[in-house]
């Protein structure tokens, strides 16, 4: 069954296969664990050190495999962070930056909507977001961090409404994690 909060199932399978192959080629120093833990560790390592990408691609090539161009393009937009999972609409989940960047994202899941994973919104989660096929998607390696109480949920819903009103709810791009004041001025010009 196709869910409106998820990307096209064929695109999701394509993304998952290539993303997983790429992440499995990232060297990590953690001892062998379950596959999800290993993939998340590799994703975190890649995010922390983008220079790991070229050796991973070379490793894939040595094995006669490759990372599809559209997935590789998405990987270049990868942001791993803690996010405030505020709410859902009929077509996407809404996340707020948990940092000092004022932005919200309308995201799609790959195969399982966030609400199905957690049972409810109103949580702090950790995951990778990427821009894939023109939309912001979660990479599917999602970790629950904390539930939010009613006061926090209300505050974050107001912040989400404010972002929406100011045109800071993004569906098709991710903002840089932190902008220096110099970068912020050059973007505004």
C-alpha atoms as a PDB file:
ATOM      1  CA  UNK A   1       0.000   0.000   0.000  1.00  0.00           C
ATOM      2  CA  UNK A   2       1.322   3.419  -0.920  1.00  0.00           C
ATOM      3  CA  UNK A   3       1.120   5.984   1.840  1.00  0.00           C
ATOM      4  CA  UNK A   4       0.892   9.709   1.043  1.00  0.00           C
ATOM      5  CA  UNK A   5       3.549  10.476   3.677  1.00  0.00           C
ATOM      6  CA  UNK A   6       6.038   8.223   1.849  1.00  0.00           C
ATOM      7  CA  UNK A   7       7.822   8.588  -1.445  1.00  0.00           C
ATOM      8  CA  UNK A   8       7.004   6.330  -4.397  1.00  0.00           C
ATOM      9  CA  UNK A   9       7.738   2.698  -3.402  1.00  0.00           C
ATOM     10  CA  UNK A  10       9.953   2.060  -6.456  1.00  0.00           C
ATOM     11  CA  UNK A  11      11.972   5.199  -5.714  1.00  0.00           C
ATOM     12  CA  UNK A  12      12.214   4.167  -2.057  1.00  0.00           C
ATOM     13  CA  UNK A  13      13.576   0.702  -2.923  1.00  0.00           C
ATOM     14  CA  UNK A  14      16.068   2.286  -5.334  1.00  0.00           C
ATOM     15  CA  UNK A  15      17.225   4.789  -2.715  1.00  0.00           C
ATOM     16  CA  UNK A  16      17.502   2.210   0.081  1.00  0.00           C
ATOM     17  CA  UNK A  17      19.531  -0.250  -2.024  1.00  0.00           C
ATOM     18  CA  UNK A  18      22.078   2.335  -3.158  1.00  0.00           C
ATOM     19  CA  UNK A  19      22.231   4.219   0.157  1.00  0.00           C
ATOM     20  CA  UNK A  20      22.754   1.003   2.106  1.00  0.00           C
ATOM     21  CA  UNK A  21      25.499  -0.173  -0.285  1.00  0.00           C
ATOM     22  CA  UNK A  22      27.224   3.188   0.083  1.00  0.00           C
ATOM     23  CA  UNK A  23      26.954   3.220   3.876  1.00  0.00           C
ATOM     24  CA  UNK A  24      28.263  -0.349   4.077  1.00  0.00           C
ATOM     25  CA  UNK A  25      31.379   0.911   2.251  1.00  0.00           C
ATOM     26  CA  UNK A  26      32.084   3.609   4.855  1.00  0.00           C
ATOM     27  CA  UNK A  27      34.787   2.413   7.265  1.00  0.00           C
ATOM     28  CA  UNK A  28      33.671   2.659  10.871  1.00  0.00           C
ATOM     29  CA  UNK A  29      35.647   1.844  13.967  1.00  0.00           C
ATOM     30  CA  UNK A  30      32.730   0.568  16.041  1.00  0.00           C
ATOM     31  CA  UNK A  31      32.602  -3.190  16.628  1.00  0.00           C
ATOM     32  CA  UNK A  32      30.171  -5.211  14.559  1.00  0.00           C
ATOM     33  CA  UNK A  33      26.595  -4.653  15.683  1.00  0.00           C
ATOM     34  CA  UNK A  34      23.214  -5.151  14.106  1.00  0.00           C
ATOM     35  CA  UNK A  35      22.881  -3.819  10.574  1.00  0.00           C
ATOM     36  CA  UNK A  36      20.788  -0.768  11.552  1.00  0.00           C
ATOM     37  CA  UNK A  37      23.311   0.305  14.181  1.00  0.00           C
ATOM     38  CA  UNK A  38      26.151  -0.144  11.691  1.00  0.00           C
ATOM     39  CA  UNK A  39      24.346   1.821   8.983  1.00  0.00           C
ATOM     40  CA  UNK A  40      23.548   4.643  11.405  1.00  0.00           C
ATOM     41  CA  UNK A  41      27.182   4.725  12.589  1.00  0.00           C
ATOM     42  CA  UNK A  42      28.425   4.837   8.986  1.00  0.00           C
ATOM     43  CA  UNK A  43      25.923   7.580   8.147  1.00  0.00           C
ATOM     44  CA  UNK A  44      27.034   9.591  11.173  1.00  0.00           C
ATOM     45  CA  UNK A  45      30.702   9.096  10.236  1.00  0.00           C
ATOM     46  CA  UNK A  46      30.033  10.249   6.672  1.00  0.00           C
ATOM     47  CA  UNK A  47      28.150  13.291   7.905  1.00  0.00           C
ATOM     48  CA  UNK A  48      30.974  14.180  10.293  1.00  0.00           C
ATOM     49  CA  UNK A  49      33.658  13.624   7.640  1.00  0.00           C
ATOM     50  CA  UNK A  50      32.446  14.018   4.025  1.00  0.00           C
ATOM     51  CA  UNK A  51      35.958  13.035   2.842  1.00  0.00           C
ATOM     52  CA  UNK A  52      34.917   9.415   3.562  1.00  0.00           C
ATOM     53  CA  UNK A  53      32.659   9.511   0.500  1.00  0.00           C
ATOM     54  CA  UNK A  54      35.355   9.174  -2.186  1.00  0.00           C
ATOM     55  CA  UNK A  55      37.040   6.081  -0.682  1.00  0.00           C
ATOM     56  CA  UNK A  56      33.595   4.492  -0.235  1.00  0.00           C
ATOM     57  CA  UNK A  57      32.745   5.141  -3.885  1.00  0.00           C
ATOM     58  CA  UNK A  58      36.128   3.706  -4.927  1.00  0.00           C
ATOM     59  CA  UNK A  59      35.433   0.620  -2.789  1.00  0.00           C
ATOM     60  CA  UNK A  60      32.070   0.138  -4.510  1.00  0.00           C
ATOM     61  CA  UNK A  61      33.719   0.517  -7.921  1.00  0.00           C
ATOM     62  CA  UNK A  62      36.364  -2.071  -6.984  1.00  0.00           C
ATOM     63  CA  UNK A  63      33.505  -4.471  -6.258  1.00  0.00           C
ATOM     64  CA  UNK A  64      31.892  -3.745  -9.628  1.00  0.00           C
ATOM     65  CA  UNK A  65      29.097  -1.754  -8.004  1.00  0.00           C
ATOM     66  CA  UNK A  66      28.212   1.905  -8.021  1.00  0.00           C
ATOM     67  CA  UNK A  67      26.017   4.413  -6.253  1.00  0.00           C
ATOM     68  CA  UNK A  68      23.237   5.741  -8.478  1.00  0.00           C
ATOM     69  CA  UNK A  69      23.673   9.394  -9.418  1.00  0.00           C
ATOM     70  CA  UNK A  70      20.373  10.512  -7.871  1.00  0.00           C
ATOM     71  CA  UNK A  71      21.249   8.856  -4.543  1.00  0.00           C
ATOM     72  CA  UNK A  72      24.771  10.288  -4.632  1.00  0.00           C
ATOM     73  CA  UNK A  73      23.313  13.730  -5.284  1.00  0.00           C
ATOM     74  CA  UNK A  74      21.021  13.255  -2.264  1.00  0.00           C
ATOM     75  CA  UNK A  75      23.952  12.169  -0.075  1.00  0.00           C
ATOM     76  CA  UNK A  76      25.635  15.497  -0.804  1.00  0.00           C
ATOM     77  CA  UNK A  77      22.686  17.203   0.955  1.00  0.00           C
ATOM     78  CA  UNK A  78      22.735  14.911   4.027  1.00  0.00           C
ATOM     79  CA  UNK A  79      22.122  16.571   7.383  1.00  0.00           C
ATOM     80  CA  UNK A  80      22.126  14.450  10.512  1.00  0.00           C
ATOM     81  CA  UNK A  81      20.657  16.166  13.513  1.00  0.00           C
ATOM     82  CA  UNK A  82      18.236  16.002  16.391  1.00  0.00           C
ATOM     83  CA  UNK A  83      14.876  17.240  15.128  1.00  0.00           C
ATOM     84  CA  UNK A  84      11.643  18.232  16.830  1.00  0.00           C
ATOM     85  CA  UNK A  85       8.935  16.018  15.333  1.00  0.00           C
ATOM     86  CA  UNK A  86       6.013  18.418  15.757  1.00  0.00           C
ATOM     87  CA  UNK A  87       3.091  17.026  13.785  1.00  0.00           C
ATOM     88  CA  UNK A  88       1.773  15.399  10.628  1.00  0.00           C
ATOM     89  CA  UNK A  89      -0.413  16.454   7.763  1.00  0.00           C
ATOM     90  CA  UNK A  90      -2.106  14.106   5.324  1.00  0.00           C
ATOM     91  CA  UNK A  91       0.979  14.193   3.079  1.00  0.00           C
ATOM     92  CA  UNK A  92       4.065  14.700   5.265  1.00  0.00           C
ATOM     93  CA  UNK A  93       5.587  14.975   8.719  1.00  0.00           C
ATOM     94  CA  UNK A  94       6.694  18.352  10.041  1.00  0.00           C
ATOM     95  CA  UNK A  95      10.067  18.724  11.750  1.00  0.00           C
ATOM     96  CA  UNK A  96      11.686  21.759  13.341  1.00  0.00           C
ATOM     97  CA  UNK A  97      15.370  22.461  13.630  1.00  0.00           C
ATOM     98  CA  UNK A  98      16.526  21.684  17.146  1.00  0.00           C
ATOM     99  CA  UNK A  99      19.361  24.195  16.745  1.00  0.00           C
ATOM    100  CA  UNK A 100      19.467  27.959  16.456  1.00  0.00           C
ATOM    101  CA  UNK A 101      18.510  27.845  12.756  1.00  0.00           C
ATOM    102  CA  UNK A 102      14.917  28.980  12.335  1.00  0.00           C
ATOM    103  CA  UNK A 103      13.430  26.522   9.866  1.00  0.00           C
ATOM    104  CA  UNK A 104      10.923  23.714   9.563  1.00  0.00           C
ATOM    105  CA  UNK A 105      10.733  20.879   7.072  1.00  0.00           C
ATOM    106  CA  UNK A 106       7.830  19.043   5.494  1.00  0.00           C
ATOM    107  CA  UNK A 107       9.401  15.616   5.053  1.00  0.00           C
ATOM    108  CA  UNK A 108       8.478  12.373   3.401  1.00  0.00           C
ATOM    109  CA  UNK A 109       9.452   8.962   4.711  1.00  0.00           C
ATOM    110  CA  UNK A 110      10.906   6.203   2.570  1.00  0.00           C
ATOM    111  CA  UNK A 111       8.577   3.313   3.423  1.00  0.00           C
ATOM    112  CA  UNK A 112       7.122   3.902   6.897  1.00  0.00           C
ATOM    113  CA  UNK A 113       5.708   7.246   8.067  1.00  0.00           C
ATOM    114  CA  UNK A 114       7.196   8.641  11.274  1.00  0.00           C
ATOM    115  CA  UNK A 115       3.807   8.495  12.989  1.00  0.00           C
ATOM    116  CA  UNK A 116       3.636   4.775  12.253  1.00  0.00           C
ATOM    117  CA  UNK A 117       7.142   4.291  13.670  1.00  0.00           C
ATOM    118  CA  UNK A 118       6.468   6.159  16.913  1.00  0.00           C
ATOM    119  CA  UNK A 119       2.700   6.041  17.310  1.00  0.00           C
ATOM    120  CA  UNK A 120       2.486   9.792  17.808  1.00  0.00           C
ATOM    121  CA  UNK A 121       4.195  13.075  17.081  1.00  0.00           C
ATOM    122  CA  UNK A 122       5.534  15.391  19.772  1.00  0.00           C
ATOM    123  CA  UNK A 123       9.000  13.921  20.111  1.00  0.00           C
ATOM    124  CA  UNK A 124      12.663  14.649  19.698  1.00  0.00           C
ATOM    125  CA  UNK A 125      14.212  12.290  17.146  1.00  0.00           C
ATOM    126  CA  UNK A 126      17.578  11.869  15.509  1.00  0.00           C
ATOM    127  CA  UNK A 127      17.827  11.052  11.819  1.00  0.00           C
ATOM    128  CA  UNK A 128      19.370  12.024   8.542  1.00  0.00           C
ATOM    129  CA  UNK A 129      17.456  14.265   6.165  1.00  0.00           C
ATOM    130  CA  UNK A 130      18.334  14.493   2.491  1.00  0.00           C
ATOM    131  CA  UNK A 131      16.892  16.090  -0.611  1.00  0.00           C
ATOM    132  CA  UNK A 132      15.939  13.222  -2.905  1.00  0.00           C
ATOM    133  CA  UNK A 133      14.000  13.637  -6.136  1.00  0.00           C
ATOM    134  CA  UNK A 134      13.109  17.214  -5.248  1.00  0.00           C
ATOM    135  CA  UNK A 135      11.743  16.576  -1.768  1.00  0.00           C
ATOM    136  CA  UNK A 136      13.126  16.380   1.746  1.00  0.00           C
ATOM    137  CA  UNK A 137      13.143  12.777   2.976  1.00  0.00           C
ATOM    138  CA  UNK A 138      14.181  11.000   6.135  1.00  0.00           C
ATOM    139  CA  UNK A 139      16.882   8.398   5.521  1.00  0.00           C
ATOM    140  CA  UNK A 140      14.936   5.816   7.540  1.00  0.00           C
ATOM    141  CA  UNK A 141      17.626   5.460  10.220  1.00  0.00           C
ATOM    142  CA  UNK A 142      15.582   7.135  12.920  1.00  0.00           C
ATOM    143  CA  UNK A 143      16.259   7.102  16.652  1.00  0.00           C
ATOM    144  CA  UNK A 144      13.787   8.187  19.298  1.00  0.00           C
ATOM    145  CA  UNK A 145      15.268  10.531  21.918  1.00  0.00           C
ATOM    146  CA  UNK A 146      12.428  11.945  24.061  1.00  0.00           C
ATOM    147  CA  UNK A 147       8.713  12.647  24.244  1.00  0.00           C
ATOM    148  CA  UNK A 148       7.650  16.259  24.634  1.00  0.00           C
ATOM    149  CA  UNK A 149       5.233  17.348  27.326  1.00  0.00           C
ATOM    150  CA  UNK A 150       2.121  19.383  26.478  1.00  0.00           C
ATOM    151  CA  UNK A 151       3.797  22.740  27.177  1.00  0.00           C
ATOM    152  CA  UNK A 152       6.719  21.995  24.874  1.00  0.00           C
ATOM    153  CA  UNK A 153       4.415  20.599  22.174  1.00  0.00           C
ATOM    154  CA  UNK A 154       2.318  23.764  22.242  1.00  0.00           C
ATOM    155  CA  UNK A 155       5.407  25.958  22.066  1.00  0.00           C
ATOM    156  CA  UNK A 156       6.833  24.008  19.133  1.00  0.00           C
ATOM    157  CA  UNK A 157       3.483  24.089  17.307  1.00  0.00           C
ATOM    158  CA  UNK A 158       3.542  27.892  17.631  1.00  0.00           C
ATOM    159  CA  UNK A 159       7.118  27.941  16.326  1.00  0.00           C
ATOM    160  CA  UNK A 160       6.066  25.751  13.377  1.00  0.00           C
ATOM    161  CA  UNK A 161       3.152  28.108  12.601  1.00  0.00           C
ATOM    162  CA  UNK A 162       5.566  31.030  12.756  1.00  0.00           C
ATOM    163  CA  UNK A 163       7.987  29.312  10.353  1.00  0.00           C
ATOM    164  CA  UNK A 164       5.119  28.567   7.975  1.00  0.00           C
ATOM    165  CA  UNK A 165       3.890  32.187   8.105  1.00  0.00           C
ATOM    166  CA  UNK A 166       7.408  33.484   7.393  1.00  0.00           C
ATOM    167  CA  UNK A 167       8.004  31.124   4.458  1.00  0.00           C
ATOM    168  CA  UNK A 168      10.486  29.021   6.433  1.00  0.00           C
ATOM    169  CA  UNK A 169       8.764  25.651   5.992  1.00  0.00           C
ATOM    170  CA  UNK A 170      10.804  23.827   3.357  1.00  0.00           C
ATOM    171  CA  UNK A 171       9.717  20.835   1.292  1.00  0.00           C
ATOM    172  CA  UNK A 172      12.472  20.746  -1.293  1.00  0.00           C
ATOM    173  CA  UNK A 173      15.687  21.922   0.371  1.00  0.00           C
ATOM    174  CA  UNK A 174      17.647  21.821   3.583  1.00  0.00           C
ATOM    175  CA  UNK A 175      19.299  24.854   5.074  1.00  0.00           C
ATOM    176  CA  UNK A 176      22.911  24.638   6.224  1.00  0.00           C
ATOM    177  CA  UNK A 177      23.211  23.543   9.850  1.00  0.00           C
ATOM    178  CA  UNK A 178      24.606  26.834  11.096  1.00  0.00           C
ATOM    179  CA  UNK A 179      25.264  30.014   9.220  1.00  0.00           C
ATOM    180  CA  UNK A 180      27.898  32.424  10.329  1.00  0.00           C
ATOM    181  CA  UNK A 181      26.780  36.059  10.326  1.00  0.00           C
ATOM    182  CA  UNK A 182      28.892  36.606   7.192  1.00  0.00           C
ATOM    183  CA  UNK A 183      27.179  33.708   5.350  1.00  0.00           C
ATOM    184  CA  UNK A 184      23.758  34.875   6.507  1.00  0.00           C
ATOM    185  CA  UNK A 185      24.365  38.349   5.043  1.00  0.00           C
ATOM    186  CA  UNK A 186      25.503  36.931   1.684  1.00  0.00           C
ATOM    187  CA  UNK A 187      22.407  34.691   1.433  1.00  0.00           C
ATOM    188  CA  UNK A 188      20.062  37.576   2.175  1.00  0.00           C
ATOM    189  CA  UNK A 189      21.536  39.779  -0.613  1.00  0.00           C
END
